[in-house]
Amino acid sequence: MKKTALLNISLSQLVASLGHGDIVVIGDAGLPVPPGVPMIDLALTPGIPSFVSTLEVLLSEMQVESHVIAEEMLQVLPPASTRIQQLHDQGTLGVRQMVSHARFKELSKSARAIVRTGECQPYSNIALMAGVTF
């Protein structure tokens, strides 16, 4: 049995397979998944699992060099934006890039996977770029 917080087999395999610069997107329940991009669907019901809980568990195993959020997130300020800002301020998320939501959806086409949560707050999405631990 694993000792770390991340128990989901698909997420563990994803993190173990990442190379420097690979992209993982964590999205709300409404984020479209482009054809050909694998989806890890965690959504059970509205709000479960939440975007923040999914992000925090994934960060327990994933080294992040940078992240991308949509500019609209900072206009709408969904509840997750507060935690993202805290993690950014702590340096956990590395360098921030902001793009339009339309550009964010284009970026998601190059993701290794999109993790779908049960989050139902608009613009609760983040693209994480894998870093290295050395």
Protein backbone atom coordinates (compact mmCIF):
# COMPACT_ATOMS: atom_id res chain seq x y z
CA MET A 1 0.00 0.00 0.00
CA LYS A 2 1.29 3.47 -0.89
CA LYS A 3 2.39 5.76 1.91
CA THR A 4 1.69 9.03 0.09
CA ALA A 5 -1.63 10.85 -0.21
CA LEU A 6 -2.18 10.01 -3.88
CA LEU A 7 -4.03 6.69 -4.07
CA ASN A 8 -5.64 6.94 -7.52
CA ILE A 9 -3.89 4.47 -9.83
CA SER A 10 -4.35 6.54 -12.99
CA LEU A 11 -3.00 9.72 -11.38
CA SER A 12 -0.03 7.86 -9.86
CA GLN A 13 0.85 6.36 -13.23
CA LEU A 14 0.51 9.77 -14.88
CA VAL A 15 2.86 11.46 -12.42
CA ALA A 16 5.39 8.62 -12.67
CA SER A 17 5.41 8.95 -16.46
CA LEU A 18 5.94 12.73 -16.64
CA GLY A 19 9.04 14.29 -18.11
CA HIS A 20 10.33 17.83 -17.81
CA GLY A 21 7.86 20.23 -19.46
CA ASP A 22 4.97 17.79 -19.75
CA ILE A 23 1.58 19.37 -19.08
CA VAL A 24 -1.16 18.11 -16.77
CA VAL A 25 -4.46 20.00 -16.71
CA ILE A 26 -6.80 19.91 -13.73
CA GLY A 27 -10.21 21.09 -14.80
CA ASP A 28 -13.66 21.81 -13.55
CA ALA A 29 -16.56 19.60 -14.59
CA GLY A 30 -17.28 21.73 -17.66
CA LEU A 31 -13.82 22.00 -19.22
CA PRO A 32 -13.93 20.39 -22.66
CA VAL A 33 -11.46 17.59 -23.29
CA PRO A 34 -9.94 17.76 -26.76
CA PRO A 35 -10.11 14.62 -28.89
CA GLY A 36 -7.07 12.43 -28.35
CA VAL A 37 -6.14 13.83 -24.93
CA PRO A 38 -6.58 11.23 -22.19
CA MET A 39 -9.04 12.17 -19.45
CA ILE A 40 -8.82 10.95 -15.89
CA ASP A 41 -12.40 11.45 -14.74
CA LEU A 42 -12.65 11.83 -10.97
CA ALA A 43 -16.03 13.64 -10.97
CA LEU A 44 -18.66 11.94 -8.82
CA THR A 45 -21.22 14.66 -8.20
CA PRO A 46 -21.13 18.48 -8.18
CA GLY A 47 -18.27 19.55 -5.92
CA ILE A 48 -16.83 16.07 -5.37
CA PRO A 49 -13.94 15.95 -5.64
CA SER A 50 -13.23 19.62 -5.45
CA PHE A 51 -10.67 21.32 -7.64
CA VAL A 52 -8.58 22.33 -4.63
CA SER A 53 -8.48 18.87 -3.04
CA THR A 54 -7.47 17.34 -6.38
CA LEU A 55 -4.76 19.96 -6.93
CA GLU A 56 -3.32 19.51 -3.45
CA VAL A 57 -3.15 15.72 -3.70
CA LEU A 58 -1.55 15.87 -7.15
CA LEU A 59 1.01 18.38 -5.85
CA SER A 60 1.97 15.91 -3.11
CA GLU A 61 3.74 13.86 -5.81
CA MET A 62 4.25 16.13 -8.81
CA GLN A 63 7.16 18.53 -9.18
CA VAL A 64 5.82 21.70 -10.84
CA GLU A 65 8.00 24.19 -12.68
CA SER A 66 5.25 26.56 -13.84
CA HIS A 67 1.52 26.87 -14.25
CA VAL A 68 -1.02 28.50 -16.53
CA ILE A 69 -4.40 29.89 -15.56
CA ALA A 70 -7.00 31.78 -17.55
CA GLU A 71 -7.16 35.56 -17.13
CA GLU A 72 -10.89 35.14 -16.58
CA MET A 73 -10.17 33.31 -13.32
CA LEU A 74 -8.88 36.54 -11.80
CA GLN A 75 -11.95 38.41 -13.03
CA VAL A 76 -14.51 35.90 -11.74
CA LEU A 77 -12.51 34.78 -8.66
CA PRO A 78 -13.90 31.29 -8.08
CA PRO A 79 -13.16 29.94 -4.57
CA ALA A 80 -10.19 27.94 -5.90
CA SER A 81 -8.40 31.14 -6.94
CA THR A 82 -7.54 31.92 -3.31
CA ARG A 83 -5.75 28.59 -2.81
CA ILE A 84 -4.00 28.86 -6.18
CA GLN A 85 -2.69 32.28 -5.15
CA GLN A 86 -1.45 30.89 -1.82
CA LEU A 87 0.35 28.02 -3.55
CA HIS A 88 1.82 30.44 -6.08
CA ASP A 89 3.04 32.76 -3.30
CA GLN A 90 4.67 29.76 -1.56
CA GLY A 91 6.51 28.87 -4.77
CA THR A 92 4.78 25.50 -5.05
CA LEU A 93 3.41 26.27 -8.52
CA GLY A 94 6.50 27.95 -9.94
CA VAL A 95 6.22 30.70 -12.52
CA ARG A 96 2.73 31.84 -13.50
CA GLN A 97 1.52 32.48 -17.02
CA MET A 98 -1.90 33.92 -17.72
CA VAL A 99 -3.74 33.43 -21.00
CA SER A 100 -7.28 33.87 -22.25
CA HIS A 101 -9.68 31.00 -21.58
CA ALA A 102 -9.77 30.33 -25.32
CA ARG A 103 -5.96 30.03 -25.36
CA PHE A 104 -6.10 27.82 -22.24
CA LYS A 105 -8.37 25.40 -24.11
CA GLU A 106 -5.90 25.40 -27.02
CA LEU A 107 -3.05 24.67 -24.61
CA SER A 108 -4.98 21.72 -23.17
CA LYS A 109 -4.67 20.00 -26.56
CA SER A 110 -1.00 19.37 -25.76
CA ALA A 111 -1.62 18.02 -22.25
CA ARG A 112 -0.48 14.53 -21.31
CA ALA A 113 -3.85 14.24 -19.54
CA ILE A 114 -6.78 16.28 -18.29
CA VAL A 115 -8.02 15.49 -14.80
CA ARG A 116 -11.75 16.19 -14.54
CA THR A 117 -13.00 17.12 -11.08
CA GLY A 118 -16.51 17.63 -9.76
CA GLU A 119 -15.86 21.37 -9.42
CA CYS A 120 -18.76 23.47 -10.71
CA GLN A 121 -17.27 26.95 -10.34
CA PRO A 122 -16.36 28.63 -13.64
CA TYR A 123 -12.69 28.93 -14.64
CA SER A 124 -11.48 26.51 -11.96
CA ASN A 125 -8.77 25.15 -14.24
CA ILE A 126 -4.99 25.01 -14.14
CA ALA A 127 -2.27 23.66 -16.41
CA LEU A 128 0.76 22.37 -14.52
CA MET A 129 4.12 22.07 -16.28
CA ALA A 130 6.26 19.29 -14.84
CA GLY A 131 9.60 20.25 -13.41
CA VAL A 132 12.54 18.17 -12.28
CA THR A 133 13.76 17.46 -8.76
CA PHE A 134 17.44 17.89 -9.63
